[in-house]
Amino acid sequence: MDKVFKISELIGTDIRSRANANIIRSVIDGLNGRIVLDFANVTFISRSFTDELYNVMKEHCNLKLINESEFVKSMLTAVTQGRESKRTSINDKSEVKEIKDMKSLELFLSTI
């Protein structure tokens, strides 16, 4: 049988803290079977909360989310895409230019 947790009752409808995901974690740790997080009436979740919720979801493969508003869905999608996309650094060929006085700075700026 599914264990359903209403997030609006457990945490609230406006969730702004990473620590709130830890509340979810502490409630579901050790539970077996499918766990359902019901986001009905939740109107806002911050990116930091969503990022930590992502970690909770990776730790508990038996989690299912239901009744997410469009805003909640969009935040979940943004964080998931950011976490799952390959991060690459751009090899920037920047050069450090040492400027000794205002005249040198003016001359340099006139060339760019």
PDB file of N, CA and C in Angstrom:
ATOM      1  N   MET A   1       0.840  -1.186   0.000  1.00  0.00           N
ATOM      2  CA  MET A   1       0.000   0.000   0.000  1.00  0.00           C
ATOM      3  C   MET A   1       0.884   1.248   0.000  1.00  0.00           C
ATOM      4  N   ASP A   2       0.483   2.255  -0.777  1.00  0.00           N
ATOM      5  CA  ASP A   2       1.231   3.506  -0.863  1.00  0.00           C
ATOM      6  C   ASP A   2       1.116   4.294   0.435  1.00  0.00           C
ATOM      7  N   LYS A   3       2.204   4.937   0.787  1.00  0.00           N
ATOM      8  CA  LYS A   3       2.198   5.870   1.918  1.00  0.00           C
ATOM      9  C   LYS A   3       2.187   7.265   1.316  1.00  0.00           C
ATOM     10  N   VAL A   4       1.125   8.025   1.580  1.00  0.00           N
ATOM     11  CA  VAL A   4       0.937   9.344   0.979  1.00  0.00           C
ATOM     12  C   VAL A   4       1.212  10.420   2.022  1.00  0.00           C
ATOM     13  N   PHE A   5       2.047  11.388   1.643  1.00  0.00           N
ATOM     14  CA  PHE A   5       2.360  12.523   2.514  1.00  0.00           C
ATOM     15  C   PHE A   5       1.941  13.802   1.809  1.00  0.00           C
ATOM     16  N   LYS A   6       1.044  14.545   2.433  1.00  0.00           N
ATOM     17  CA  LYS A   6       0.587  15.816   1.875  1.00  0.00           C
ATOM     18  C   LYS A   6       1.594  16.888   2.272  1.00  0.00           C
ATOM     19  N   ILE A   7       2.308  17.370   1.291  1.00  0.00           N
ATOM     20  CA  ILE A   7       3.392  18.323   1.534  1.00  0.00           C
ATOM     21  C   ILE A   7       2.867  19.625   2.135  1.00  0.00           C
ATOM     22  N   SER A   8       1.689  20.065   1.713  1.00  0.00           N
ATOM     23  CA  SER A   8       1.131  21.311   2.253  1.00  0.00           C
ATOM     24  C   SER A   8       0.865  21.203   3.753  1.00  0.00           C
ATOM     25  N   GLU A   9       0.549  20.009   4.224  1.00  0.00           N
ATOM     26  CA  GLU A   9       0.311  19.808   5.661  1.00  0.00           C
ATOM     27  C   GLU A   9       1.614  19.546   6.409  1.00  0.00           C
ATOM     28  N   LEU A  10       2.535  18.858   5.757  1.00  0.00           N
ATOM     29  CA  LEU A  10       3.807  18.515   6.384  1.00  0.00           C
ATOM     30  C   LEU A  10       4.733  19.727   6.497  1.00  0.00           C
ATOM     31  N   ILE A  11       4.758  20.564   5.445  1.00  0.00           N
ATOM     32  CA  ILE A  11       5.698  21.694   5.398  1.00  0.00           C
ATOM     33  C   ILE A  11       4.993  23.035   5.228  1.00  0.00           C
ATOM     34  N   GLY A  12       4.058  23.102   4.270  1.00  0.00           N
ATOM     35  CA  GLY A  12       3.364  24.346   3.976  1.00  0.00           C
ATOM     36  C   GLY A  12       3.135  24.476   2.483  1.00  0.00           C
ATOM     37  N   THR A  13       2.569  25.600   2.077  1.00  0.00           N
ATOM     38  CA  THR A  13       2.250  25.808   0.658  1.00  0.00           C
ATOM     39  C   THR A  13       3.278  26.672  -0.048  1.00  0.00           C
ATOM     40  N   ASP A  14       4.153  27.328   0.687  1.00  0.00           N
ATOM     41  CA  ASP A  14       5.192  28.207   0.148  1.00  0.00           C
ATOM     42  C   ASP A  14       6.514  27.717   0.725  1.00  0.00           C
ATOM     43  N   ILE A  15       7.247  26.925  -0.065  1.00  0.00           N
ATOM     44  CA  ILE A  15       8.421  26.220   0.459  1.00  0.00           C
ATOM     45  C   ILE A  15       9.688  26.868  -0.095  1.00  0.00           C
ATOM     46  N   ARG A  16      10.497  27.433   0.799  1.00  0.00           N
ATOM     47  CA  ARG A  16      11.638  28.233   0.370  1.00  0.00           C
ATOM     48  C   ARG A  16      12.987  27.756   0.887  1.00  0.00           C
ATOM     49  N   SER A  17      13.027  26.701   1.650  1.00  0.00           N
ATOM     50  CA  SER A  17      14.277  26.324   2.304  1.00  0.00           C
ATOM     51  C   SER A  17      14.712  24.911   1.963  1.00  0.00           C
ATOM     52  N   ARG A  18      16.002  24.760   1.769  1.00  0.00           N
ATOM     53  CA  ARG A  18      16.610  23.448   1.556  1.00  0.00           C
ATOM     54  C   ARG A  18      16.319  22.525   2.749  1.00  0.00           C
ATOM     55  N   ALA A  19      16.246  23.114   3.932  1.00  0.00           N
ATOM     56  CA  ALA A  19      15.990  22.330   5.151  1.00  0.00           C
ATOM     57  C   ALA A  19      14.636  21.622   5.091  1.00  0.00           C
ATOM     58  N   ASN A  20      13.683  22.170   4.353  1.00  0.00           N
ATOM     59  CA  ASN A  20      12.373  21.527   4.244  1.00  0.00           C
ATOM     60  C   ASN A  20      12.453  20.179   3.539  1.00  0.00           C
ATOM     61  N   ALA A  21      13.380  20.037   2.614  1.00  0.00           N
ATOM     62  CA  ALA A  21      13.564  18.738   1.966  1.00  0.00           C
ATOM     63  C   ALA A  21      14.104  17.730   2.972  1.00  0.00           C
ATOM     64  N   ASN A  22      14.874  18.218   3.942  1.00  0.00           N
ATOM     65  CA  ASN A  22      15.370  17.324   4.989  1.00  0.00           C
ATOM     66  C   ASN A  22      14.248  16.837   5.895  1.00  0.00           C
ATOM     67  N   ILE A  23      13.188  17.630   6.027  1.00  0.00           N
ATOM     68  CA  ILE A  23      12.005  17.177   6.769  1.00  0.00           C
ATOM     69  C   ILE A  23      11.392  15.982   6.049  1.00  0.00           C
ATOM     70  N   ILE A  24      11.267  16.110   4.736  1.00  0.00           N
ATOM     71  CA  ILE A  24      10.737  15.000   3.936  1.00  0.00           C
ATOM     72  C   ILE A  24      11.634  13.778   4.104  1.00  0.00           C
ATOM     73  N   ARG A  25      12.935  14.001   3.996  1.00  0.00           N
ATOM     74  CA  ARG A  25      13.899  12.897   4.131  1.00  0.00           C
ATOM     75  C   ARG A  25      13.722  12.184   5.473  1.00  0.00           C
ATOM     76  N   SER A  26      13.615  12.946   6.543  1.00  0.00           N
ATOM     77  CA  SER A  26      13.510  12.323   7.866  1.00  0.00           C
ATOM     78  C   SER A  26      12.198  11.553   8.031  1.00  0.00           C
ATOM     79  N   VAL A  27      11.144  12.008   7.378  1.00  0.00           N
ATOM     80  CA  VAL A  27       9.847  11.329   7.477  1.00  0.00           C
ATOM     81  C   VAL A  27       9.836  10.020   6.686  1.00  0.00           C
ATOM     82  N   ILE A  28      10.528   9.988   5.542  1.00  0.00           N
ATOM     83  CA  ILE A  28      10.444   8.813   4.678  1.00  0.00           C
ATOM     84  C   ILE A  28      11.588   7.826   4.857  1.00  0.00           C
ATOM     85  N   ASP A  29      12.679   8.249   5.496  1.00  0.00           N
ATOM     86  CA  ASP A  29      13.805   7.326   5.693  1.00  0.00           C
ATOM     87  C   ASP A  29      13.341   6.069   6.421  1.00  0.00           C
ATOM     88  N   GLY A  30      13.722   4.939   5.887  1.00  0.00           N
ATOM     89  CA  GLY A  30      13.388   3.668   6.514  1.00  0.00           C
ATOM     90  C   GLY A  30      12.056   3.081   6.099  1.00  0.00           C
ATOM     91  N   LEU A  31      11.263   3.835   5.342  1.00  0.00           N
ATOM     92  CA  LEU A  31       9.962   3.312   4.903  1.00  0.00           C
ATOM     93  C   LEU A  31      10.149   2.403   3.694  1.00  0.00           C
ATOM     94  N   ASN A  32       9.357   1.353   3.641  1.00  0.00           N
ATOM     95  CA  ASN A  32       9.371   0.451   2.499  1.00  0.00           C
ATOM     96  C   ASN A  32       8.118   0.673   1.676  1.00  0.00           C
ATOM     97  N   GLY A  33       8.137   0.194   0.461  1.00  0.00           N
ATOM     98  CA  GLY A  33       6.986   0.355  -0.419  1.00  0.00           C
ATOM     99  C   GLY A  33       7.028   1.720  -1.094  1.00  0.00           C
ATOM    100  N   ARG A  34       6.011   1.955  -1.904  1.00  0.00           N
ATOM    101  CA  ARG A  34       5.972   3.210  -2.652  1.00  0.00           C
ATOM    102  C   ARG A  34       5.545   4.354  -1.744  1.00  0.00           C
ATOM    103  N   ILE A  35       6.253   5.465  -1.881  1.00  0.00           N
ATOM    104  CA  ILE A  35       5.974   6.676  -1.115  1.00  0.00           C
ATOM    105  C   ILE A  35       5.492   7.738  -2.087  1.00  0.00           C
ATOM    106  N   VAL A  36       4.369   8.362  -1.768  1.00  0.00           N
ATOM    107  CA  VAL A  36       3.781   9.383  -2.633  1.00  0.00           C
ATOM    108  C   VAL A  36       3.854  10.726  -1.920  1.00  0.00           C
ATOM    109  N   LEU A  37       4.442  11.709  -2.603  1.00  0.00           N
ATOM    110  CA  LEU A  37       4.467  13.078  -2.089  1.00  0.00           C
ATOM    111  C   LEU A  37       3.407  13.858  -2.848  1.00  0.00           C
ATOM    112  N   ASP A  38       2.380  14.275  -2.144  1.00  0.00           N
ATOM    113  CA  ASP A  38       1.238  14.971  -2.731  1.00  0.00           C
ATOM    114  C   ASP A  38       1.468  16.482  -2.608  1.00  0.00           C
ATOM    115  N   PHE A  39       1.670  17.145  -3.742  1.00  0.00           N
ATOM    116  CA  PHE A  39       1.949  18.577  -3.771  1.00  0.00           C
ATOM    117  C   PHE A  39       0.686  19.423  -3.979  1.00  0.00           C
ATOM    118  N   ALA A  40      -0.487  18.860  -3.746  1.00  0.00           N
ATOM    119  CA  ALA A  40      -1.732  19.635  -3.863  1.00  0.00           C
ATOM    120  C   ALA A  40      -1.651  20.849  -2.943  1.00  0.00           C
ATOM    121  N   ASN A  41      -2.078  21.992  -3.446  1.00  0.00           N
ATOM    122  CA  ASN A  41      -2.107  23.270  -2.724  1.00  0.00           C
ATOM    123  C   ASN A  41      -0.740  23.908  -2.498  1.00  0.00           C
ATOM    124  N   VAL A  42       0.338  23.283  -2.939  1.00  0.00           N
ATOM    125  CA  VAL A  42       1.662  23.908  -2.838  1.00  0.00           C
ATOM    126  C   VAL A  42       1.786  24.883  -4.007  1.00  0.00           C
ATOM    127  N   THR A  43       1.971  26.155  -3.682  1.00  0.00           N
ATOM    128  CA  THR A  43       1.995  27.187  -4.718  1.00  0.00           C
ATOM    129  C   THR A  43       3.392  27.613  -5.119  1.00  0.00           C
ATOM    130  N   PHE A  44       4.387  27.381  -4.253  1.00  0.00           N
ATOM    131  CA  PHE A  44       5.751  27.818  -4.565  1.00  0.00           C
ATOM    132  C   PHE A  44       6.751  26.865  -3.938  1.00  0.00           C
ATOM    133  N   ILE A  45       7.794  26.530  -4.712  1.00  0.00           N
ATOM    134  CA  ILE A  45       8.964  25.842  -4.169  1.00  0.00           C
ATOM    135  C   ILE A  45      10.195  26.552  -4.710  1.00  0.00           C
ATOM    136  N   SER A  46      11.158  26.799  -3.835  1.00  0.00           N
ATOM    137  CA  SER A  46      12.377  27.501  -4.255  1.00  0.00           C
ATOM    138  C   SER A  46      13.307  26.537  -4.980  1.00  0.00           C
ATOM    139  N   ARG A  47      14.252  27.127  -5.680  1.00  0.00           N
ATOM    140  CA  ARG A  47      15.235  26.310  -6.383  1.00  0.00           C
ATOM    141  C   ARG A  47      16.088  25.525  -5.381  1.00  0.00           C
ATOM    142  N   SER A  48      16.411  26.129  -4.249  1.00  0.00           N
ATOM    143  CA  SER A  48      17.238  25.418  -3.260  1.00  0.00           C
ATOM    144  C   SER A  48      16.481  24.223  -2.678  1.00  0.00           C
ATOM    145  N   PHE A  49      15.184  24.405  -2.381  1.00  0.00           N
ATOM    146  CA  PHE A  49      14.382  23.276  -1.902  1.00  0.00           C
ATOM    147  C   PHE A  49      14.335  22.187  -2.970  1.00  0.00           C
ATOM    148  N   THR A  50      14.093  22.583  -4.207  1.00  0.00           N
ATOM    149  CA  THR A  50      13.960  21.624  -5.302  1.00  0.00           C
ATOM    150  C   THR A  50      15.264  20.868  -5.521  1.00  0.00           C
ATOM    151  N   ASP A  51      16.379  21.570  -5.408  1.00  0.00           N
ATOM    152  CA  ASP A  51      17.683  20.932  -5.565  1.00  0.00           C
ATOM    153  C   ASP A  51      17.884  19.858  -4.494  1.00  0.00           C
ATOM    154  N   GLU A  52      17.521  20.158  -3.271  1.00  0.00           N
ATOM    155  CA  GLU A  52      17.662  19.168  -2.193  1.00  0.00           C
ATOM    156  C   GLU A  52      16.627  18.053  -2.343  1.00  0.00           C
ATOM    157  N   LEU A  53      15.428  18.377  -2.811  1.00  0.00           N
ATOM    158  CA  LEU A  53      14.414  17.351  -3.079  1.00  0.00           C
ATOM    159  C   LEU A  53      14.921  16.390  -4.152  1.00  0.00           C
ATOM    160  N   TYR A  54      15.629  16.915  -5.135  1.00  0.00           N
ATOM    161  CA  TYR A  54      16.240  16.080  -6.176  1.00  0.00           C
ATOM    162  C   TYR A  54      17.148  15.029  -5.523  1.00  0.00           C
ATOM    163  N   ASN A  55      17.956  15.463  -4.543  1.00  0.00           N
ATOM    164  CA  ASN A  55      18.835  14.526  -3.834  1.00  0.00           C
ATOM    165  C   ASN A  55      18.022  13.460  -3.103  1.00  0.00           C
ATOM    166  N   VAL A  56      16.937  13.874  -2.453  1.00  0.00           N
ATOM    167  CA  VAL A  56      16.070  12.928  -1.744  1.00  0.00           C
ATOM    168  C   VAL A  56      15.492  11.918  -2.730  1.00  0.00           C
ATOM    169  N   MET A  57      15.077  12.399  -3.896  1.00  0.00           N
ATOM    170  CA  MET A  57      14.492  11.510  -4.900  1.00  0.00           C
ATOM    171  C   MET A  57      15.527  10.509  -5.422  1.00  0.00           C
ATOM    172  N   LYS A  58      16.779  10.919  -5.520  1.00  0.00           N
ATOM    173  CA  LYS A  58      17.834  10.003  -5.961  1.00  0.00           C
ATOM    174  C   LYS A  58      18.121   8.947  -4.893  1.00  0.00           C
ATOM    175  N   GLU A  59      17.976   9.316  -3.632  1.00  0.00           N
ATOM    176  CA  GLU A  59      18.204   8.381  -2.524  1.00  0.00           C
ATOM    177  C   GLU A  59      17.060   7.376  -2.380  1.00  0.00           C
ATOM    178  N   HIS A  60      15.850   7.776  -2.765  1.00  0.00           N
ATOM    179  CA  HIS A  60      14.655   6.950  -2.579  1.00  0.00           C
ATOM    180  C   HIS A  60      13.990   6.733  -3.936  1.00  0.00           C
ATOM    181  N   CYS A  61      14.329   5.634  -4.577  1.00  0.00           N
ATOM    182  CA  CYS A  61      13.792   5.377  -5.917  1.00  0.00           C
ATOM    183  C   CYS A  61      12.310   5.016  -5.884  1.00  0.00           C
ATOM    184  N   ASN A  62      11.752   4.838  -4.702  1.00  0.00           N
ATOM    185  CA  ASN A  62      10.346   4.464  -4.569  1.00  0.00           C
ATOM    186  C   ASN A  62       9.441   5.678  -4.363  1.00  0.00           C
ATOM    187  N   LEU A  63       9.929   6.868  -4.693  1.00  0.00           N
ATOM    188  CA  LEU A  63       9.150   8.104  -4.526  1.00  0.00           C
ATOM    189  C   LEU A  63       8.357   8.428  -5.778  1.00  0.00           C
ATOM    190  N   LYS A  64       7.149   8.899  -5.570  1.00  0.00           N
ATOM    191  CA  LYS A  64       6.320   9.384  -6.676  1.00  0.00           C
ATOM    192  C   LYS A  64       5.732  10.725  -6.245  1.00  0.00           C
ATOM    193  N   LEU A  65       5.733  11.697  -7.160  1.00  0.00           N
ATOM    194  CA  LEU A  65       5.141  13.007  -6.896  1.00  0.00           C
ATOM    195  C   LEU A  65       3.812  13.095  -7.620  1.00  0.00           C
ATOM    196  N   ILE A  66       2.821  13.678  -6.944  1.00  0.00           N
ATOM    197  CA  ILE A  66       1.516  13.866  -7.576  1.00  0.00           C
ATOM    198  C   ILE A  66       1.008  15.276  -7.292  1.00  0.00           C
ATOM    199  N   ASN A  67       0.051  15.707  -8.105  1.00  0.00           N
ATOM    200  CA  ASN A  67      -0.676  16.972  -7.932  1.00  0.00           C
ATOM    201  C   ASN A  67       0.227  18.210  -7.906  1.00  0.00           C
ATOM    202  N   GLU A  68       1.302  18.191  -8.714  1.00  0.00           N
ATOM    203  CA  GLU A  68       2.173  19.349  -8.780  1.00  0.00           C
ATOM    204  C   GLU A  68       1.514  20.431  -9.641  1.00  0.00           C
ATOM    205  N   SER A  69       1.591  21.678  -9.183  1.00  0.00           N
ATOM    206  CA  SER A  69       1.114  22.796  -9.994  1.00  0.00           C
ATOM    207  C   SER A  69       2.079  22.983 -11.167  1.00  0.00           C
ATOM    208  N   GLU A  70       1.685  23.799 -12.124  1.00  0.00           N
ATOM    209  CA  GLU A  70       2.560  24.069 -13.270  1.00  0.00           C
ATOM    210  C   GLU A  70       3.875  24.685 -12.810  1.00  0.00           C
ATOM    211  N   PHE A  71       3.813  25.577 -11.815  1.00  0.00           N
ATOM    212  CA  PHE A  71       5.040  26.193 -11.305  1.00  0.00           C
ATOM    213  C   PHE A  71       5.951  25.143 -10.682  1.00  0.00           C
ATOM    214  N   VAL A  72       5.393  24.279  -9.858  1.00  0.00           N
ATOM    215  CA  VAL A  72       6.183  23.229  -9.206  1.00  0.00           C
ATOM    216  C   VAL A  72       6.797  22.312 -10.261  1.00  0.00           C
ATOM    217  N   LYS A  73       6.014  21.932 -11.266  1.00  0.00           N
ATOM    218  CA  LYS A  73       6.538  21.094 -12.349  1.00  0.00           C
ATOM    219  C   LYS A  73       7.687  21.777 -13.067  1.00  0.00           C
ATOM    220  N   SER A  74       7.540  23.074 -13.342  1.00  0.00           N
ATOM    221  CA  SER A  74       8.593  23.787 -14.071  1.00  0.00           C
ATOM    222  C   SER A  74       9.869  23.881 -13.248  1.00  0.00           C
ATOM    223  N   MET A  75       9.755  24.060 -11.944  1.00  0.00           N
ATOM    224  CA  MET A  75      10.945  24.119 -11.093  1.00  0.00           C
ATOM    225  C   MET A  75      11.617  22.747 -11.027  1.00  0.00           C
ATOM    226  N   LEU A  76      10.832  21.697 -10.908  1.00  0.00           N
ATOM    227  CA  LEU A  76      11.382  20.344 -10.900  1.00  0.00           C
ATOM    228  C   LEU A  76      12.111  20.040 -12.210  1.00  0.00           C
ATOM    229  N   THR A  77      11.522  20.453 -13.320  1.00  0.00           N
ATOM    230  CA  THR A  77      12.137  20.233 -14.627  1.00  0.00           C
ATOM    231  C   THR A  77      13.446  21.010 -14.747  1.00  0.00           C
ATOM    232  N   ALA A  78      13.441  22.267 -14.322  1.00  0.00           N
ATOM    233  CA  ALA A  78      14.648  23.096 -14.422  1.00  0.00           C
ATOM    234  C   ALA A  78      15.799  22.498 -13.611  1.00  0.00           C
ATOM    235  N   VAL A  79      15.516  22.066 -12.406  1.00  0.00           N
ATOM    236  CA  VAL A  79      16.570  21.498 -11.559  1.00  0.00           C
ATOM    237  C   VAL A  79      17.041  20.158 -12.122  1.00  0.00           C
ATOM    238  N   THR A  80      16.110  19.318 -12.544  1.00  0.00           N
ATOM    239  CA  THR A  80      16.478  18.012 -13.099  1.00  0.00           C
ATOM    240  C   THR A  80      17.347  18.174 -14.334  1.00  0.00           C
ATOM    241  N   GLN A  81      16.958  19.061 -15.236  1.00  0.00           N
ATOM    242  CA  GLN A  81      17.752  19.278 -16.446  1.00  0.00           C
ATOM    243  C   GLN A  81      19.134  19.830 -16.105  1.00  0.00           C
ATOM    244  N   GLY A  82      19.198  20.731 -15.149  1.00  0.00           N
ATOM    245  CA  GLY A  82      20.478  21.286 -14.741  1.00  0.00           C
ATOM    246  C   GLY A  82      21.382  20.247 -14.105  1.00  0.00           C
ATOM    247  N   ARG A  83      20.812  19.358 -13.328  1.00  0.00           N
ATOM    248  CA  ARG A  83      21.601  18.338 -12.640  1.00  0.00           C
ATOM    249  C   ARG A  83      22.030  17.219 -13.581  1.00  0.00           C
ATOM    250  N   GLU A  84      21.210  16.923 -14.586  1.00  0.00           N
ATOM    251  CA  GLU A  84      21.498  15.784 -15.445  1.00  0.00           C
ATOM    252  C   GLU A  84      22.245  16.144 -16.717  1.00  0.00           C
ATOM    253  N   SER A  85      22.361  17.434 -17.004  1.00  0.00           N
ATOM    254  CA  SER A  85      23.094  17.820 -18.211  1.00  0.00           C
ATOM    255  C   SER A  85      24.583  17.818 -17.923  1.00  0.00           C
ATOM    256  N   LYS A  86      25.349  17.496 -18.944  1.00  0.00           N
ATOM    257  CA  LYS A  86      26.794  17.458 -18.797  1.00  0.00           C
ATOM    258  C   LYS A  86      27.318  18.884 -18.685  1.00  0.00           C
ATOM    259  N   ARG A  87      28.113  19.094 -17.675  1.00  0.00           N
ATOM    260  CA  ARG A  87      28.674  20.430 -17.468  1.00  0.00           C
ATOM    261  C   ARG A  87      30.057  20.484 -18.096  1.00  0.00           C
ATOM    262  N   THR A  88      30.256  21.492 -18.898  1.00  0.00           N
ATOM    263  CA  THR A  88      31.551  21.658 -19.543  1.00  0.00           C
ATOM    264  C   THR A  88      32.065  23.062 -19.263  1.00  0.00           C
ATOM    265  N   SER A  89      33.363  23.146 -19.162  1.00  0.00           N
ATOM    266  CA  SER A  89      33.950  24.473 -18.986  1.00  0.00           C
ATOM    267  C   SER A  89      34.501  24.942 -20.322  1.00  0.00           C
ATOM    268  N   ILE A  90      34.403  26.209 -20.528  1.00  0.00           N
ATOM    269  CA  ILE A  90      34.889  26.802 -21.768  1.00  0.00           C
ATOM    270  C   ILE A  90      36.340  27.198 -21.553  1.00  0.00           C
ATOM    271  N   ASN A  91      37.195  26.769 -22.461  1.00  0.00           N
ATOM    272  CA  ASN A  91      38.599  27.122 -22.371  1.00  0.00           C
ATOM    273  C   ASN A  91      38.759  28.543 -22.885  1.00  0.00           C
ATOM    274  N   ASP A  92      38.787  29.461 -21.975  1.00  0.00           N
ATOM    275  CA  ASP A  92      38.872  30.876 -22.315  1.00  0.00           C
ATOM    276  C   ASP A  92      40.338  31.260 -22.460  1.00  0.00           C
ATOM    277  N   LYS A  93      40.671  31.867 -23.567  1.00  0.00           N
ATOM    278  CA  LYS A  93      42.047  32.286 -23.810  1.00  0.00           C
ATOM    279  C   LYS A  93      42.217  33.747 -23.412  1.00  0.00           C
ATOM    280  N   SER A  94      41.851  34.026 -22.183  1.00  0.00           N
ATOM    281  CA  SER A  94      41.947  35.392 -21.684  1.00  0.00           C
ATOM    282  C   SER A  94      43.392  35.745 -21.374  1.00  0.00           C
ATOM    283  N   GLU A  95      43.642  37.005 -21.443  1.00  0.00           N
ATOM    284  CA  GLU A  95      44.983  37.505 -21.162  1.00  0.00           C
ATOM    285  C   GLU A  95      44.861  38.579 -20.089  1.00  0.00           C
ATOM    286  N   VAL A  96      45.758  38.545 -19.140  1.00  0.00           N
ATOM    287  CA  VAL A  96      45.776  39.563 -18.101  1.00  0.00           C
ATOM    288  C   VAL A  96      46.649  40.712 -18.597  1.00  0.00           C
ATOM    289  N   LYS A  97      46.079  41.885 -18.573  1.00  0.00           N
ATOM    290  CA  LYS A  97      46.795  43.083 -19.031  1.00  0.00           C
ATOM    291  C   LYS A  97      47.040  43.971 -17.829  1.00  0.00           C
ATOM    292  N   GLU A  98      48.277  44.306 -17.599  1.00  0.00           N
ATOM    293  CA  GLU A  98      48.612  45.171 -16.483  1.00  0.00           C
ATOM    294  C   GLU A  98      48.626  46.623 -16.955  1.00  0.00           C
ATOM    295  N   ILE A  99      47.858  47.442 -16.272  1.00  0.00           N
ATOM    296  CA  ILE A  99      47.741  48.862 -16.600  1.00  0.00           C
ATOM    297  C   ILE A  99      48.354  49.646 -15.445  1.00  0.00           C
ATOM    298  N   LYS A 100      49.288  50.535 -15.771  1.00  0.00           N
ATOM    299  CA  LYS A 100      50.014  51.257 -14.720  1.00  0.00           C
ATOM    300  C   LYS A 100      49.458  52.634 -14.415  1.00  0.00           C
ATOM    301  N   ASP A 101      48.744  53.224 -15.382  1.00  0.00           N
ATOM    302  CA  ASP A 101      48.212  54.566 -15.138  1.00  0.00           C
ATOM    303  C   ASP A 101      46.979  54.787 -16.004  1.00  0.00           C
ATOM    304  N   MET A 102      46.316  55.902 -15.793  1.00  0.00           N
ATOM    305  CA  MET A 102      45.066  56.203 -16.504  1.00  0.00           C
ATOM    306  C   MET A 102      45.293  56.378 -18.005  1.00  0.00           C
ATOM    307  N   LYS A 103      46.391  56.939 -18.394  1.00  0.00           N
ATOM    308  CA  LYS A 103      46.682  57.135 -19.824  1.00  0.00           C
ATOM    309  C   LYS A 103      46.809  55.779 -20.520  1.00  0.00           C
ATOM    310  N   SER A 104      47.495  54.842 -19.862  1.00  0.00           N
ATOM    311  CA  SER A 104      47.628  53.491 -20.422  1.00  0.00           C
ATOM    312  C   SER A 104      46.271  52.812 -20.514  1.00  0.00           C
ATOM    313  N   LEU A 105      45.446  53.001 -19.493  1.00  0.00           N
ATOM    314  CA  LEU A 105      44.097  52.430 -19.501  1.00  0.00           C
ATOM    315  C   LEU A 105      43.275  53.008 -20.638  1.00  0.00           C
ATOM    316  N   GLU A 106      43.345  54.306 -20.800  1.00  0.00           N
ATOM    317  CA  GLU A 106      42.606  54.972 -21.880  1.00  0.00           C
ATOM    318  C   GLU A 106      43.050  54.449 -23.232  1.00  0.00           C
ATOM    319  N   LEU A 107      44.341  54.285 -23.412  1.00  0.00           N
ATOM    320  CA  LEU A 107      44.884  53.781 -24.680  1.00  0.00           C
ATOM    321  C   LEU A 107      44.408  52.348 -24.923  1.00  0.00           C
ATOM    322  N   PHE A 108      44.457  51.533 -23.906  1.00  0.00           N
ATOM    323  CA  PHE A 108      44.018  50.150 -24.044  1.00  0.00           C
ATOM    324  C   PHE A 108      42.529  50.071 -24.387  1.00  0.00           C
ATOM    325  N   LEU A 109      41.716  50.840 -23.677  1.00  0.00           N
ATOM    326  CA  LEU A 109      40.271  50.803 -23.904  1.00  0.00           C
ATOM    327  C   LEU A 109      39.905  51.292 -25.297  1.00  0.00           C
ATOM    328  N   SER A 110      40.701  52.151 -25.847  1.00  0.00           N
ATOM    329  CA  SER A 110      40.405  52.663 -27.195  1.00  0.00           C
ATOM    330  C   SER A 110      40.645  51.606 -28.267  1.00  0.00           C
ATOM    331  N   THR A 111      41.329  50.529 -27.912  1.00  0.00           N
ATOM    332  CA  THR A 111      41.632  49.479 -28.897  1.00  0.00           C
ATOM    333  C   THR A 111      40.616  48.335 -28.906  1.00  0.00           C
ATOM    334  N   ILE A 112      39.727  48.319 -27.930  1.00  0.00           N
ATOM    335  CA  ILE A 112      38.772  47.199 -27.898  1.00  0.00           C
ATOM    336  C   ILE A 112      37.377  47.618 -28.319  1.00  0.00           C
TER     337      ILE A 112
END
